[in-house]
Protein backbone atom coordinates (compact mmCIF):
# COMPACT_ATOMS: atom_id res chain seq x y z
CA MET A 1 7.62 19.63 37.52
CA ILE A 2 11.12 21.08 37.93
CA GLY A 3 12.30 19.35 34.75
CA GLU A 4 9.48 20.82 32.69
CA LEU A 5 10.11 24.28 34.15
CA ALA A 6 13.81 23.96 33.30
CA ALA A 7 12.99 23.11 29.68
CA LEU A 8 10.62 26.09 29.51
CA GLY A 9 13.39 28.25 30.95
CA ALA A 10 15.58 27.14 28.04
CA ALA A 11 12.94 28.26 25.53
CA LEU A 12 12.59 31.67 27.17
CA SER A 13 16.37 32.10 27.39
CA TRP A 14 16.82 31.35 23.70
CA THR A 15 14.14 33.88 22.83
CA VAL A 16 15.97 36.63 24.71
CA SER A 17 19.32 35.67 23.18
CA ALA A 18 17.85 35.70 19.65
CA LEU A 19 16.75 39.30 20.15
CA LEU A 20 20.21 40.30 21.36
CA TYR A 21 21.92 38.51 18.46
CA LYS A 22 19.62 40.11 15.91
CA LYS A 23 20.54 43.57 17.14
CA ALA A 24 24.26 42.79 17.14
CA LEU A 25 24.17 41.27 13.65
CA GLU A 26 23.17 44.63 12.24
CA ARG A 27 26.77 45.71 12.86
CA THR A 28 28.92 42.60 12.39
CA LYS A 29 29.27 39.36 10.41
CA PRO A 30 27.91 36.02 11.73
CA VAL A 31 31.36 34.37 11.92
CA SER A 32 32.89 37.30 13.79
CA ALA A 33 29.84 37.38 16.07
CA ASN A 34 30.14 33.69 16.94
CA ILE A 35 33.86 33.98 17.74
CA ILE A 36 33.19 36.87 20.14
CA ARG A 37 30.11 35.22 21.64
CA LEU A 38 31.68 31.83 22.37
CA SER A 39 35.18 32.94 23.43
CA CYS A 40 33.90 35.60 25.84
CA THR A 41 30.98 33.57 27.19
CA SER A 42 33.13 30.50 27.84
CA GLY A 43 35.53 32.69 29.82
CA VAL A 44 32.64 33.98 31.93
CA LEU A 45 31.38 30.43 32.56
CA LEU A 46 34.83 29.21 33.64
CA VAL A 47 35.22 32.14 36.04
CA PHE A 48 31.73 31.42 37.40
CA LEU A 49 32.74 27.81 38.13
CA LEU A 50 35.80 29.07 39.98
CA VAL A 51 33.81 31.61 42.02
CA ILE A 52 31.17 29.09 43.17
CA GLY A 53 33.82 26.52 44.03
CA LYS A 54 32.85 23.91 41.42
CA PHE A 55 36.00 24.05 39.29
CA TRP A 56 37.16 20.77 40.82
CA VAL A 57 34.32 18.93 39.06
CA LEU A 58 36.22 19.46 35.79
CA TRP A 59 38.88 17.02 36.97
CA ASP A 60 36.22 14.57 38.12
CA LEU A 61 34.57 14.46 34.70
CA PRO A 62 35.09 11.10 32.89
CA VAL A 63 36.90 11.34 29.56
CA GLN A 64 34.01 9.88 27.53
CA ILE A 65 31.62 12.50 28.92
CA ALA A 66 34.06 15.31 28.16
CA VAL A 67 34.47 14.03 24.58
CA LEU A 68 30.68 13.88 24.07
CA ALA A 69 30.32 17.43 25.39
CA ILE A 70 33.13 18.78 23.19
CA VAL A 71 31.87 17.12 19.99
CA SER A 72 28.34 18.26 20.83
CA GLY A 73 29.66 21.80 21.13
CA LEU A 74 31.57 21.69 17.84
CA VAL A 75 28.47 20.45 16.01
CA GLY A 76 25.84 22.58 17.76
CA LEU A 77 27.63 25.74 18.85
CA GLY A 78 30.42 25.95 16.30
CA SER A 79 28.65 24.94 13.08
CA GLY A 80 24.97 25.10 14.03
CA ASP A 81 24.99 28.45 15.79
CA THR A 82 27.05 30.11 13.05
CA LEU A 83 24.38 29.11 10.53
CA TYR A 84 21.75 30.24 13.02
CA LEU A 85 23.29 33.71 13.12
CA VAL A 86 23.41 33.74 9.31
CA SER A 87 19.70 32.90 9.20
CA LEU A 88 18.82 35.55 11.78
CA ARG A 89 20.59 38.17 9.72
CA MET A 90 18.91 37.10 6.47
CA VAL A 91 15.29 36.39 7.41
CA GLY A 92 14.76 37.89 10.87
CA VAL A 93 13.88 36.60 14.32
CA ALA A 94 10.24 35.76 13.70
CA ARG A 95 11.03 33.48 10.74
CA ALA A 96 14.50 32.07 11.58
CA VAL A 97 13.70 30.97 15.14
CA PRO A 98 10.60 28.88 14.28
CA LEU A 99 12.46 27.14 11.44
CA THR A 100 15.46 26.25 13.61
CA CYS A 101 13.07 24.99 16.27
CA THR A 102 12.04 22.09 14.04
CA TYR A 103 15.01 20.23 15.56
CA PRO A 104 12.72 17.78 17.48
CA LEU A 105 11.61 16.42 14.09
CA PHE A 106 15.17 15.37 13.37
CA ASN A 107 15.61 13.98 16.88
CA LEU A 108 12.69 11.69 16.00
CA LEU A 109 14.47 10.52 12.85
CA TRP A 110 17.60 9.59 14.81
CA ALA A 111 15.45 7.60 17.23
CA VAL A 112 13.63 5.71 14.45
CA PHE A 113 16.48 4.99 12.01
CA LEU A 114 19.48 4.78 14.35
CA VAL A 115 18.01 3.45 17.58
CA GLY A 116 15.16 1.46 16.03
CA GLU A 117 12.26 2.96 17.94
CA PRO A 118 8.78 2.35 16.40
CA LEU A 119 7.18 5.08 14.29
CA THR A 120 3.74 6.03 15.60
CA LEU A 121 0.79 7.62 13.81
CA SER A 122 1.13 10.74 15.97
CA ALA A 123 4.77 11.06 14.87
CA VAL A 124 3.83 10.86 11.19
CA LEU A 125 1.06 13.43 11.70
CA GLY A 126 3.45 15.68 13.57
CA ALA A 127 5.97 15.52 10.72
CA VAL A 128 3.31 16.54 8.20
CA VAL A 129 2.15 19.41 10.43
CA ILE A 130 5.73 20.69 10.84
CA VAL A 131 6.29 20.66 7.07
CA LEU A 132 3.09 22.70 6.68
CA GLY A 133 4.33 25.16 9.30
CA ILE A 134 7.66 25.53 7.51
CA TRP A 135 5.86 26.24 4.23
CA LEU A 136 3.72 28.93 5.86
CA LEU A 137 6.77 30.62 7.38
CA SER A 138 8.76 30.47 4.16
CA TYR A 139 6.07 31.54 1.73
CA GLU A 140 5.85 35.07 0.35
CA LYS A 141 3.76 36.44 -2.49
CA GLU A 142 5.43 36.57 -5.91
CA SER A 143 4.92 40.33 -6.12
CA ILE A 144 6.80 40.90 -2.85
CA VAL A 145 9.76 38.56 -3.19
CA GLN A 146 11.78 39.11 -6.35
CA GLY A 147 15.42 38.97 -7.42
CA VAL A 148 17.89 39.25 -4.58
CA ARG A 149 15.25 39.21 -1.87
CA ARG A 150 13.94 35.82 -3.00
CA SER A 151 17.52 34.51 -3.05
CA VAL A 152 18.18 35.83 0.45
CA LEU A 153 14.95 34.29 1.72
CA LEU A 154 15.87 30.89 0.31
CA LYS A 155 19.40 30.97 1.71
CA GLY A 156 18.14 32.05 5.12
CA VAL A 157 15.54 29.26 5.23
CA VAL A 158 18.10 26.62 4.17
CA ALA A 159 20.58 27.88 6.80
CA ALA A 160 17.87 27.66 9.47
CA LEU A 161 16.91 24.08 8.53
CA ILE A 162 20.55 22.90 8.50
CA THR A 163 20.87 24.52 11.91
CA ALA A 164 17.95 22.42 13.13
CA VAL A 165 19.66 19.21 11.97
CA LEU A 166 22.95 20.12 13.65
CA TRP A 167 21.19 21.11 16.87
CA SER A 168 19.33 17.80 16.98
CA VAL A 169 22.62 15.89 16.78
CA SER A 170 24.17 18.14 19.42
CA ILE A 171 21.20 17.74 21.78
CA THR A 172 21.25 13.95 21.48
CA MET A 173 24.95 13.88 22.35
CA MET A 174 24.38 16.18 25.33
CA ASN A 175 21.61 13.92 26.58
CA LEU A 176 23.96 10.92 26.40
CA ALA A 177 26.63 12.86 28.30
CA VAL A 178 24.25 13.97 31.05
CA GLN A 179 22.83 10.47 31.52
CA GLU A 180 26.34 9.32 32.40
CA ALA A 181 26.63 11.90 35.20
CA PRO A 182 23.11 12.86 36.35
CA ASP A 183 23.49 15.62 38.93
CA LEU A 184 23.40 19.41 39.07
CA ASP A 185 27.16 19.96 39.42
CA HIS A 186 28.00 17.78 36.44
CA ALA A 187 25.24 19.32 34.34
CA LEU A 188 26.78 22.75 34.96
CA VAL A 189 30.32 21.57 34.21
CA ILE A 190 29.32 19.61 31.08
CA ASN A 191 27.67 22.73 29.71
CA THR A 192 30.76 24.81 30.50
CA VAL A 193 33.17 22.31 28.91
CA ARG A 194 30.98 22.27 25.80
CA ALA A 195 31.10 26.05 25.39
CA ALA A 196 34.75 26.51 26.42
CA ALA A 197 36.05 23.89 24.00
CA VAL A 198 34.30 25.49 21.01
CA GLY A 199 35.26 28.99 22.11
CA GLY A 200 38.91 27.92 22.21
CA VAL A 201 38.75 26.23 18.80
CA LEU A 202 37.08 29.24 17.13
CA LEU A 203 39.61 31.60 18.67
CA ALA A 204 42.54 29.42 17.59
CA PHE A 205 41.27 29.17 14.01
CA SER A 206 40.06 32.76 13.78
CA PRO A 207 42.79 33.72 11.24
CA VAL A 208 41.24 31.12 8.90
CA LEU A 209 37.56 31.57 9.76
CA ASP A 210 37.69 35.38 9.97
CA ARG A 211 40.66 36.20 7.74
CA LYS A 212 40.62 39.93 8.30
CA LEU A 213 40.12 39.38 12.06
CA ASP A 214 37.06 41.61 11.99
CA PHE A 215 36.00 40.33 15.41
CA LEU A 216 38.84 42.37 16.95
CA ARG A 217 37.33 45.57 15.55
CA VAL A 218 33.74 45.09 16.68
CA ASP A 219 32.51 48.03 18.76
CA ARG A 220 31.81 47.72 22.49
CA ARG A 221 28.05 47.96 22.17
CA THR A 222 27.89 45.07 19.71
CA THR A 223 30.31 43.02 21.78
CA ALA A 224 28.21 43.60 24.88
CA ALA A 225 25.06 42.41 23.08
CA LEU A 226 26.82 39.26 21.85
CA VAL A 227 28.29 38.43 25.24
CA ALA A 228 24.98 39.08 26.99
CA GLY A 229 23.22 36.86 24.44
CA GLY A 230 25.85 34.19 24.91
CA ILE A 231 25.49 34.20 28.68
CA VAL A 232 21.70 33.95 28.41
CA ALA A 233 21.74 31.24 25.70
CA LEU A 234 24.75 29.16 26.76
CA GLY A 235 24.95 29.94 30.46
CA LEU A 236 21.23 29.78 31.22
CA GLY A 237 19.44 28.24 28.22
CA TRP A 238 21.68 25.25 27.64
CA PHE A 239 22.15 24.69 31.35
CA PHE A 240 18.37 24.61 31.79
CA LEU A 241 18.03 22.08 28.98
CA THR A 242 20.92 19.99 30.27
CA TYR A 243 19.46 19.95 33.76
CA SER A 244 16.01 19.05 32.42
CA PHE A 245 17.58 15.86 31.01
CA VAL A 246 18.52 14.96 34.58
CA GLU A 247 14.92 15.31 35.78
CA ILE A 248 12.77 14.17 32.83
CA LEU A 249 13.01 12.19 29.58
CA GLU A 250 14.40 13.83 26.44
CA THR A 251 11.07 13.20 24.71
CA ARG A 252 9.43 15.60 27.16
CA ALA A 253 12.23 18.13 27.56
CA VAL A 254 12.97 18.72 23.86
CA PRO A 255 9.41 19.63 22.78
CA ILE A 256 9.01 22.06 25.67
CA SER A 257 12.33 23.72 24.82
CA SER A 258 11.18 24.17 21.22
CA THR A 259 8.30 26.49 22.15
CA THR A 260 10.64 29.43 21.51
CA PRO A 261 8.77 30.42 18.29
CA LEU A 262 5.72 31.48 20.27
CA PHE A 263 7.77 34.00 22.21
CA SER A 264 10.07 35.06 19.36
CA THR A 265 7.20 35.82 16.99
CA LEU A 266 5.65 38.23 19.46
CA ALA A 267 9.03 39.75 20.27
CA GLY A 268 9.87 40.20 16.58
CA ILE A 269 6.70 42.24 16.15
CA ALA A 270 7.07 44.30 19.32
CA LEU A 271 10.79 45.09 19.27
CA PHE A 272 11.97 44.89 15.65
CA HIS A 273 8.75 45.85 13.90
CA GLU A 274 9.12 42.82 11.64
CA LYS A 275 6.29 42.36 9.17
CA ILE A 276 4.46 39.36 10.55
CA THR A 277 1.68 38.09 8.33
CA ALA A 278 -1.12 35.80 9.40
CA LYS A 279 0.76 32.96 7.67
CA THR A 280 3.90 33.62 9.73
CA ALA A 281 2.01 33.67 13.02
CA LEU A 282 -0.01 30.58 12.10
CA GLY A 283 3.13 28.79 10.93
CA SER A 284 4.82 29.38 14.29
CA VAL A 285 1.89 27.91 16.18
CA ILE A 286 1.55 24.96 13.79
CA ILE A 287 5.23 24.03 14.15
CA VAL A 288 4.91 23.91 17.93
CA VAL A 289 1.74 21.77 17.64
CA GLY A 290 3.57 19.43 15.28
CA VAL A 291 6.47 19.09 17.70
CA PHE A 292 4.16 18.04 20.52
CA LEU A 293 2.35 15.57 18.24
CA ILE A 294 5.68 13.91 17.43
CA PHE A 295 6.34 13.14 21.07
CA LEU A 296 2.75 12.31 21.97
CA VAL A 297 2.59 8.95 23.72
């Protein structure tokens, strides 16, 4: 039961972080936001390791595990999360989060085409259901979406779907890393190495990625929201998911972690007054149902 609860904790953590990011993105660019989020959060995580006396585990971490964690971070946190922030800014929490949470569909593809696992009827049905959910979330009436708004909607949806692909690759690599060192201390350290490596890379290349260095001029309130979101998402959310891999199979942990849309849709209505149609709400639920069908055994 603890593994399932950990995966659910990841879903809840990512819902909270999405709300914080959305608020911050009203006052800064996605690239600048990701540089601040990852560099500051990784510093907090490293200090936390030092305070609780687990810093020594860093030196005990095998090289192959460290490499998997770092590459996973570059793919998922560096590239994937930047696109995620772009999508949040363009199409809002209630639409971006459900679309990015289709990542279990792509995890299934890696298992079938790369690992050679059999494709079941429930998996095919789940894929069809997810596509239907994506259509419901992305659809707007012709009279409402015109010109620039239609263009923004399309770009935001594409960014969210690419995010889902990158996250699926990142999650698979994290699962491989955790299976090599299955205990709580290593799960914590692997998650920290993942975030710290990407934070360092983004900071080092900030003159290229953020040419005007706008991240240095972000106000304190926005910075606080980004750091708080980073701590919740990377410190808690990803740790919960990483630890769930220690306790249960990926095929159980990943679908549970993808239930974020249920919480984000309600939060988008309550906190940001986003216009949620019946299609949007139904699409969120359908995507989650499709995810569970994919991993139904």
